[in-house]
N, C-alpha and C. Protein backbone atom coordinates (compact mmCIF):
# COMPACT_ATOMS: atom_id res chain seq x y z
N MET A 1 63.01 100.82 52.94
CA MET A 1 61.66 100.17 53.09
C MET A 1 60.55 100.77 53.86
N GLY A 2 61.03 101.71 54.84
CA GLY A 2 60.17 102.30 55.68
C GLY A 2 59.33 103.33 54.91
N ASP A 3 59.81 104.07 53.90
CA ASP A 3 58.96 104.88 53.00
C ASP A 3 58.11 104.11 52.28
N LEU A 4 58.38 102.97 51.75
CA LEU A 4 57.54 102.00 50.80
C LEU A 4 56.27 101.74 51.76
N VAL A 5 56.53 101.23 53.02
CA VAL A 5 55.55 100.77 53.89
C VAL A 5 54.53 101.97 54.26
N LYS A 6 55.11 103.13 54.52
CA LYS A 6 54.30 104.32 54.71
C LYS A 6 53.41 104.76 53.62
N ARG A 7 54.05 104.68 52.42
CA ARG A 7 53.31 105.20 51.28
C ARG A 7 52.14 104.18 50.80
N HIS A 8 52.34 102.95 51.12
CA HIS A 8 51.27 101.90 50.73
C HIS A 8 50.39 101.59 51.83
N ALA A 9 50.62 101.94 53.05
CA ALA A 9 49.76 101.61 54.12
C ALA A 9 48.79 102.55 54.56
N GLY A 10 49.04 103.84 54.07
CA GLY A 10 48.10 104.85 54.48
C GLY A 10 46.73 104.80 53.67
N TRP A 11 45.80 105.33 54.32
CA TRP A 11 44.55 105.54 53.63
C TRP A 11 43.88 106.85 54.01
N PRO A 12 42.93 107.38 53.34
CA PRO A 12 42.51 108.70 53.76
C PRO A 12 41.93 108.73 55.25
N GLY A 13 42.39 109.81 55.90
CA GLY A 13 41.76 109.97 57.21
C GLY A 13 42.60 109.13 58.34
N SER A 14 43.46 108.36 57.80
CA SER A 14 44.10 107.39 58.82
C SER A 14 45.13 108.23 59.75
N LYS A 15 45.10 107.84 61.06
CA LYS A 15 46.04 108.74 61.97
C LYS A 15 47.22 107.71 62.47
N LYS A 16 46.98 106.41 61.93
CA LYS A 16 47.81 105.41 62.57
C LYS A 16 49.17 105.53 62.06
N HIS A 17 50.13 105.41 62.96
CA HIS A 17 51.58 105.36 62.70
C HIS A 17 52.06 103.92 62.18
N VAL A 18 52.29 103.70 60.83
CA VAL A 18 52.71 102.43 60.32
C VAL A 18 54.20 102.29 60.08
N THR A 19 54.72 101.33 60.65
CA THR A 19 56.08 100.89 60.39
C THR A 19 56.26 99.57 59.86
N PRO A 20 57.45 99.29 59.23
CA PRO A 20 57.68 97.96 58.73
C PRO A 20 57.43 96.88 59.80
N HIS A 21 57.75 97.13 61.10
CA HIS A 21 57.63 96.18 62.15
C HIS A 21 56.09 96.08 62.47
N VAL A 22 55.16 96.94 62.40
CA VAL A 22 53.72 96.77 62.59
C VAL A 22 53.16 95.97 61.44
N TRP A 23 53.72 96.25 60.26
CA TRP A 23 53.26 95.56 59.10
C TRP A 23 53.54 94.00 59.21
N ARG A 24 54.82 93.75 59.61
CA ARG A 24 55.37 92.45 59.87
C ARG A 24 54.49 91.72 60.91
N HIS A 25 54.27 92.35 62.00
CA HIS A 25 53.48 91.87 63.22
C HIS A 25 52.00 91.41 62.71
N THR A 26 51.34 92.44 61.99
CA THR A 26 50.08 92.21 61.43
C THR A 26 50.01 91.18 60.57
N CYS A 27 50.93 90.89 59.51
CA CYS A 27 50.83 89.85 58.72
C CYS A 27 50.94 88.37 59.39
N ALA A 28 51.96 88.38 60.33
CA ALA A 28 52.20 87.10 61.08
C ALA A 28 50.87 86.94 61.99
N THR A 29 50.26 87.88 62.51
CA THR A 29 49.11 87.63 63.36
C THR A 29 47.96 87.03 62.47
N HIS A 30 47.74 87.62 61.28
CA HIS A 30 46.70 87.16 60.20
C HIS A 30 47.13 85.69 59.89
N LEU A 31 48.29 85.33 59.64
CA LEU A 31 48.57 83.99 59.19
C LEU A 31 48.22 83.03 60.30
N VAL A 32 48.54 83.21 61.58
CA VAL A 32 48.19 82.40 62.57
C VAL A 32 46.79 82.34 62.85
N LYS A 33 46.04 83.56 62.76
CA LYS A 33 44.63 83.53 62.97
C LYS A 33 43.86 82.60 61.92
N ASN A 34 44.46 82.52 60.77
CA ASN A 34 44.00 81.74 59.66
C ASN A 34 44.49 80.35 59.58
N ASN A 35 45.10 79.87 60.67
CA ASN A 35 45.42 78.47 60.84
C ASN A 35 46.76 78.11 60.20
N ALA A 36 47.70 79.15 59.99
CA ALA A 36 48.90 78.84 59.54
C ALA A 36 49.76 78.11 60.58
N ASN A 37 50.65 77.21 60.19
CA ASN A 37 51.54 76.46 61.15
C ASN A 37 52.52 77.38 61.68
N LEU A 38 52.51 77.37 63.01
CA LEU A 38 53.37 78.39 63.91
C LEU A 38 54.75 78.23 63.44
N ARG A 39 55.25 76.93 63.09
CA ARG A 39 56.55 76.78 62.71
C ARG A 39 56.97 77.49 61.43
N HIS A 40 56.06 77.44 60.60
CA HIS A 40 56.18 78.13 59.26
C HIS A 40 56.33 79.64 59.43
N VAL A 41 55.40 80.15 60.43
CA VAL A 41 55.57 81.54 60.68
C VAL A 41 56.96 81.91 61.35
N GLN A 42 57.29 81.02 62.23
CA GLN A 42 58.55 81.25 62.76
C GLN A 42 59.66 81.31 61.72
N ASP A 43 59.65 80.53 60.83
CA ASP A 43 60.60 80.49 59.69
C ASP A 43 60.59 81.84 58.85
N LEU A 44 59.34 82.25 58.63
CA LEU A 44 59.25 83.47 57.87
C LEU A 44 59.64 84.66 58.57
N LEU A 45 59.51 84.58 59.82
CA LEU A 45 60.02 85.76 60.77
C LEU A 45 61.48 85.60 61.03
N GLY A 46 62.16 84.55 60.82
CA GLY A 46 63.47 84.23 61.09
C GLY A 46 63.69 84.17 62.55
N HIS A 47 62.71 83.71 63.40
CA HIS A 47 63.06 83.56 64.82
C HIS A 47 63.84 82.36 65.05
N GLY A 48 64.74 82.26 65.90
CA GLY A 48 65.43 81.20 66.28
C GLY A 48 64.69 80.23 67.24
N SER A 49 63.91 80.74 68.05
CA SER A 49 63.09 80.07 69.01
C SER A 49 61.62 80.24 68.69
N LEU A 50 60.80 79.23 68.95
CA LEU A 50 59.42 79.27 68.76
C LEU A 50 58.83 80.06 69.90
N ALA A 51 59.33 80.13 71.08
CA ALA A 51 58.90 81.05 72.19
C ALA A 51 58.79 82.42 71.70
N THR A 52 59.87 82.78 71.06
CA THR A 52 60.05 84.09 70.45
C THR A 52 58.79 84.43 69.63
N THR A 53 58.31 83.50 68.76
CA THR A 53 57.25 83.72 67.87
C THR A 53 56.04 83.74 68.73
N GLU A 54 55.79 82.89 69.65
CA GLU A 54 54.71 82.83 70.45
C GLU A 54 54.34 84.26 71.20
N ARG A 55 55.47 84.80 71.63
CA ARG A 55 55.40 86.16 72.47
C ARG A 55 55.08 87.38 71.29
N TYR A 56 55.59 87.02 70.21
CA TYR A 56 55.41 88.05 69.15
C TYR A 56 53.93 88.26 68.72
N LEU A 57 53.26 87.13 68.67
CA LEU A 57 51.90 87.18 68.38
C LEU A 57 50.96 87.32 69.47
N ARG A 58 50.02 88.20 69.28
CA ARG A 58 48.93 88.40 70.47
C ARG A 58 47.67 87.84 69.99
N LEU A 59 46.90 87.47 70.89
CA LEU A 59 45.33 87.09 70.63
C LEU A 59 44.57 88.36 70.81
N THR A 60 43.62 88.41 69.96
CA THR A 60 42.67 89.59 70.09
C THR A 60 41.52 89.42 71.13
N ILE A 61 40.82 90.30 71.58
CA ILE A 61 39.77 90.03 72.66
C ILE A 61 38.73 89.22 71.83
N ALA A 62 38.50 89.40 70.50
CA ALA A 62 37.39 88.58 69.88
C ALA A 62 37.92 87.07 69.85
N ASP A 63 39.26 86.94 69.72
CA ASP A 63 39.70 85.45 69.97
C ASP A 63 39.55 84.81 71.13
N LEU A 64 39.69 85.62 72.30
CA LEU A 64 39.53 85.10 73.72
C LEU A 64 37.99 84.88 73.94
N LYS A 65 37.15 85.79 73.34
CA LYS A 65 35.69 85.55 73.57
C LYS A 65 35.30 84.22 72.93
N GLU A 66 35.70 84.19 71.66
CA GLU A 66 35.34 82.96 70.90
C GLU A 66 35.90 81.60 71.63
N ALA A 67 37.13 81.54 72.09
CA ALA A 67 37.46 80.61 72.95
C ALA A 67 36.74 80.12 74.12
N HIS A 68 36.34 81.17 74.84
CA HIS A 68 35.59 81.06 75.99
C HIS A 68 34.20 80.51 75.69
N ALA A 69 33.57 81.00 74.65
CA ALA A 69 32.34 80.48 74.18
C ALA A 69 32.36 79.10 73.73
N ARG A 70 33.39 78.68 73.07
CA ARG A 70 33.48 77.40 72.67
C ARG A 70 33.70 76.23 73.76
N PHE A 71 34.73 76.70 74.72
CA PHE A 71 35.24 75.67 75.72
C PHE A 71 34.70 75.76 76.96
N HIS A 72 34.16 76.91 77.42
CA HIS A 72 33.76 77.04 78.78
C HIS A 72 32.41 76.19 79.09
N PRO A 73 32.48 75.26 80.09
CA PRO A 73 31.32 74.37 80.38
C PRO A 73 29.97 74.98 80.42
N ARG A 74 29.82 76.18 80.96
CA ARG A 74 28.53 76.78 81.08
C ARG A 74 28.03 77.30 79.90
N GLU A 75 28.92 77.45 78.88
CA GLU A 75 28.41 78.04 77.61
C GLU A 75 27.84 77.07 76.74
N LYS A 76 28.06 75.80 76.99
CA LYS A 76 27.57 74.62 76.23
C LYS A 76 26.17 74.37 76.69
N ALA A 77 25.11 74.43 75.90
CA ALA A 77 23.79 74.13 76.40
C ALA A 77 23.27 72.94 75.69
């Protein structure tokens, strides 16, 4: 599977090291960012605990800035 991922994940000039784990992590992150149910993502990843899934997925800086802009009391005018 690793060779398949490397063959299809590359693009001209890319220096990124792509592994099946990176691909899996990226897909799960995109699912959650697009409002997929975290329990469904947990099932897809095969995690026994939701806490494992929560730790597995990271928020981006853009996500944090958006949340700050939406919910910080000083940001609402």
